[in-house]
């Protein structure tokens, strides 16, 4: 497949690029600043572009099969999350059947056994220091979930603890509930999330829907 990744130099985006290339896909790695080209995988096509600009989205998505949004706004710029979502949908609407997969947040997932409490409201999973980005991710999901669009999208929520780690290939998939282990921990490595994302790209199972991944 031909895959465009916005935010390709970030922690999550770079792992998506690596996973996609390892499976033989053609990857266009997009960053805002060409100074970051040195951080990109050498086998990817390096391009500059802003996911918050629909014209850039349309240009960089033309002829592609899948677009992945792995962008993460800097502290103080959290409002960009839902704005980028709307821009991606606007730009992709000009293309022919390009699918969108968004790496989102865990805050909008429901905590098991709590009668519907969202993870953002449970300090075991979203500490106060993380609430600003969790709230932005919730707004990101809402912008996607409520959009009137013909774009085929999928929203991928990681577990509460989402950080670089090991590609184990062993994880569980869920829908709207936070995945926790027997001790109540919720985690997934960025490497395994990238694996789950590429599985979804190759064999779509969540059409205009959200899914989550965890151990």
Protein backbone atom coordinates (compact mmCIF):
# COMPACT_ATOMS: atom_id res chain seq x y z
CA UNK A 1 0.00 0.00 0.00
CA UNK A 2 0.90 3.66 -0.23
CA UNK A 3 0.76 5.28 3.19
CA UNK A 4 1.23 8.89 4.26
CA UNK A 5 2.14 9.53 7.89
CA UNK A 6 1.72 13.02 9.37
CA UNK A 7 3.87 13.52 12.46
CA UNK A 8 6.34 10.98 11.13
CA UNK A 9 9.27 12.17 13.27
CA UNK A 10 7.41 11.79 16.56
CA UNK A 11 7.60 8.84 18.91
CA UNK A 12 4.45 7.14 17.65
CA UNK A 13 4.72 8.28 14.03
CA UNK A 14 8.28 7.05 13.59
CA UNK A 15 7.26 3.60 14.79
CA UNK A 16 4.35 3.50 12.38
CA UNK A 17 6.72 4.40 9.55
CA UNK A 18 9.15 1.65 10.58
CA UNK A 19 6.40 -0.97 10.90
CA UNK A 20 4.89 -0.04 7.54
CA UNK A 21 8.23 -0.18 5.75
CA UNK A 22 9.04 -3.55 7.33
CA UNK A 23 5.87 -4.90 5.69
CA UNK A 24 6.85 -3.65 2.26
CA UNK A 25 4.57 -0.63 2.03
CA UNK A 26 5.54 2.66 0.37
CA UNK A 27 5.63 5.38 3.02
CA UNK A 28 5.56 9.15 2.70
CA UNK A 29 6.82 10.60 5.97
CA UNK A 30 5.57 14.14 6.59
CA UNK A 31 6.96 16.72 9.02
CA UNK A 32 6.39 20.45 9.33
CA UNK A 33 10.07 21.39 9.43
CA UNK A 34 12.55 20.03 6.84
CA UNK A 35 15.22 20.28 9.52
CA UNK A 36 13.69 17.09 10.93
CA UNK A 37 14.33 15.08 7.75
CA UNK A 38 17.45 13.67 9.41
CA UNK A 39 15.20 12.05 12.04
CA UNK A 40 13.09 10.22 9.45
CA UNK A 41 13.57 6.66 8.24
CA UNK A 42 15.90 6.74 5.21
CA UNK A 43 13.68 4.37 3.22
CA UNK A 44 10.63 6.64 3.44
CA UNK A 45 9.86 9.53 1.09
CA UNK A 46 10.45 12.73 3.04
CA UNK A 47 7.99 15.60 2.62
CA UNK A 48 7.05 18.77 4.47
CA UNK A 49 3.46 19.65 5.20
CA UNK A 50 1.06 20.84 7.85
CA UNK A 51 -1.84 18.56 8.79
CA UNK A 52 -3.77 21.66 9.87
CA UNK A 53 -3.75 22.90 6.27
CA UNK A 54 -6.38 21.09 4.12
CA UNK A 55 -4.50 21.99 0.93
CA UNK A 56 -1.37 20.25 2.23
CA UNK A 57 -3.43 17.26 3.31
CA UNK A 58 -5.04 16.93 -0.11
CA UNK A 59 -1.71 17.23 -1.92
CA UNK A 60 0.15 14.75 0.27
CA UNK A 61 -2.71 12.25 0.27
CA UNK A 62 -3.36 12.17 -3.47
CA UNK A 63 -2.88 8.66 -4.84
CA UNK A 64 -2.39 7.15 -1.40
CA UNK A 65 -4.33 4.31 0.19
CA UNK A 66 -4.10 5.31 3.86
CA UNK A 67 -3.25 8.47 5.77
CA UNK A 68 -2.11 8.17 9.38
CA UNK A 69 -2.35 11.10 11.76
CA UNK A 70 0.33 10.70 14.44
CA UNK A 71 0.64 14.40 15.26
CA UNK A 72 0.74 15.56 18.87
CA UNK A 73 0.46 19.26 19.69
CA UNK A 74 3.07 20.89 21.85
CA UNK A 75 2.08 21.97 25.38
CA UNK A 76 -0.04 25.09 25.18
CA UNK A 77 -1.22 24.27 21.64
CA UNK A 78 -3.68 21.51 22.52
CA UNK A 79 -6.47 23.26 20.59
CA UNK A 80 -4.72 22.02 17.43
CA UNK A 81 -5.88 18.44 18.03
CA UNK A 82 -9.52 18.85 16.93
CA UNK A 83 -8.53 21.50 14.36
CA UNK A 84 -6.13 19.05 12.72
CA UNK A 85 -8.86 16.41 12.65
CA UNK A 86 -11.20 18.77 10.80
CA UNK A 87 -8.41 19.74 8.40
CA UNK A 88 -7.61 16.11 7.62
CA UNK A 89 -11.24 15.32 6.90
CA UNK A 90 -11.53 18.40 4.70
CA UNK A 91 -8.40 17.58 2.72
CA UNK A 92 -9.16 13.88 2.36
CA UNK A 93 -12.67 14.63 1.14
CA UNK A 94 -11.00 15.93 -2.05
CA UNK A 95 -9.28 12.59 -2.68
CA UNK A 96 -10.55 9.26 -3.97
CA UNK A 97 -11.32 6.84 -1.15
CA UNK A 98 -8.20 7.51 0.96
CA UNK A 99 -8.70 6.07 4.43
CA UNK A 100 -7.73 7.93 7.61
CA UNK A 101 -6.37 6.32 10.77
CA UNK A 102 -5.92 8.63 13.74
CA UNK A 103 -3.74 7.80 16.74
CA UNK A 104 -5.72 9.37 19.54
CA UNK A 105 -5.88 9.24 23.30
CA UNK A 106 -7.20 7.00 26.05
CA UNK A 107 -9.13 9.66 27.96
CA UNK A 108 -12.44 9.01 26.22
CA UNK A 109 -12.38 5.28 26.99
CA UNK A 110 -14.64 3.91 29.73
CA UNK A 111 -12.95 2.41 32.80
CA UNK A 112 -14.17 -1.15 33.40
CA UNK A 113 -16.20 -1.69 36.57
CA UNK A 114 -16.93 2.00 37.19
CA UNK A 115 -20.44 2.32 35.73
CA UNK A 116 -19.31 4.48 32.85
CA UNK A 117 -16.55 6.69 34.26
CA UNK A 118 -14.22 7.96 31.55
CA UNK A 119 -10.50 7.44 31.92
CA UNK A 120 -9.94 11.21 31.89
CA UNK A 121 -11.92 11.40 35.14
CA UNK A 122 -10.00 8.59 36.85
CA UNK A 123 -6.65 9.74 38.28
CA UNK A 124 -5.40 6.15 38.29
CA UNK A 125 -5.18 6.39 34.52
CA UNK A 126 -5.06 10.10 33.73
CA UNK A 127 -3.10 12.04 36.38
CA UNK A 128 -3.77 15.76 36.68
CA UNK A 129 -0.59 16.55 34.75
CA UNK A 130 -1.95 14.69 31.73
CA UNK A 131 -5.48 16.09 31.74
CA UNK A 132 -4.75 18.91 29.29
CA UNK A 133 -3.64 16.57 26.51
CA UNK A 134 -6.31 14.01 27.42
CA UNK A 135 -9.00 16.68 27.09
CA UNK A 136 -7.59 17.72 23.71
CA UNK A 137 -7.63 14.10 22.57
CA UNK A 138 -11.24 13.76 23.70
CA UNK A 139 -12.09 16.82 21.61
CA UNK A 140 -10.17 15.25 18.73
CA UNK A 141 -12.29 12.10 18.95
CA UNK A 142 -15.50 14.10 19.22
CA UNK A 143 -14.59 16.09 16.11
CA UNK A 144 -14.10 12.85 14.21
CA UNK A 145 -17.01 10.91 15.69
CA UNK A 146 -19.55 13.67 14.98
CA UNK A 147 -18.24 14.74 11.57
CA UNK A 148 -20.57 14.65 8.59
CA UNK A 149 -18.07 13.22 6.13
CA UNK A 150 -17.71 10.58 3.47
CA UNK A 151 -14.11 9.91 4.54
CA UNK A 152 -13.54 6.40 5.87
CA UNK A 153 -11.87 6.92 9.25
CA UNK A 154 -10.67 4.85 12.19
CA UNK A 155 -9.69 6.20 15.61
CA UNK A 156 -7.12 4.18 17.54
CA UNK A 157 -7.00 4.79 21.29
CA UNK A 158 -3.89 3.53 23.07
CA UNK A 159 -3.94 2.30 26.64
CA UNK A 160 -3.44 4.77 29.48
CA UNK A 161 0.33 4.25 29.58
CA UNK A 162 1.62 4.69 26.05
CA UNK A 163 5.36 4.88 25.66
CA UNK A 164 8.31 3.49 23.70
CA UNK A 165 9.02 -0.13 24.48
CA UNK A 166 9.21 -3.52 22.79
CA UNK A 167 7.37 -5.00 19.82
CA UNK A 168 5.95 -8.15 21.43
CA UNK A 169 3.14 -8.91 18.99
CA UNK A 170 1.01 -9.99 21.94
CA UNK A 171 -1.83 -7.65 22.92
CA UNK A 172 -5.60 -7.41 23.12
CA UNK A 173 -8.02 -5.34 21.09
CA UNK A 174 -11.09 -3.58 22.46
CA UNK A 175 -13.64 -1.02 21.42
CA UNK A 176 -14.72 1.68 23.91
CA UNK A 177 -13.50 0.24 27.23
CA UNK A 178 -10.00 0.79 28.60
CA UNK A 179 -8.03 -2.46 28.48
CA UNK A 180 -6.55 -3.34 31.87
CA UNK A 181 -4.66 -6.36 33.16
CA UNK A 182 -5.42 -8.41 36.26
CA UNK A 183 -3.73 -5.80 38.46
CA UNK A 184 -5.65 -2.91 36.94
CA UNK A 185 -2.73 -1.62 34.87
CA UNK A 186 -3.36 -0.25 31.38
CA UNK A 187 -0.43 -0.05 28.98
CA UNK A 188 0.77 -0.60 25.43
CA UNK A 189 4.12 0.02 23.78
CA UNK A 190 4.31 2.33 20.80
CA UNK A 191 5.82 -0.54 18.83
CA UNK A 192 2.84 -2.82 19.46
CA UNK A 193 0.37 -0.03 18.75
CA UNK A 194 2.08 0.51 15.40
CA UNK A 195 1.68 -3.20 14.72
CA UNK A 196 -2.05 -3.06 15.52
CA UNK A 197 -2.43 0.05 13.37
CA UNK A 198 -0.84 -1.61 10.33
CA UNK A 199 -3.00 -4.69 10.86
CA UNK A 200 -6.02 -2.38 10.65
CA UNK A 201 -4.62 -0.63 7.58
CA UNK A 202 -4.13 -3.95 5.79
CA UNK A 203 -7.39 -5.57 6.94
CA UNK A 204 -9.91 -2.85 7.85
CA UNK A 205 -12.25 -3.91 10.66
CA UNK A 206 -13.30 -0.59 12.23
CA UNK A 207 -15.13 1.53 9.67
CA UNK A 208 -15.91 4.98 11.05
CA UNK A 209 -15.33 3.55 14.51
CA UNK A 210 -12.84 3.52 17.36
CA UNK A 211 -10.83 0.64 18.71
CA UNK A 212 -8.21 0.33 21.40
CA UNK A 213 -5.21 -1.87 22.09
CA UNK A 214 -3.57 -2.96 25.32
CA UNK A 215 -1.89 -5.77 27.22
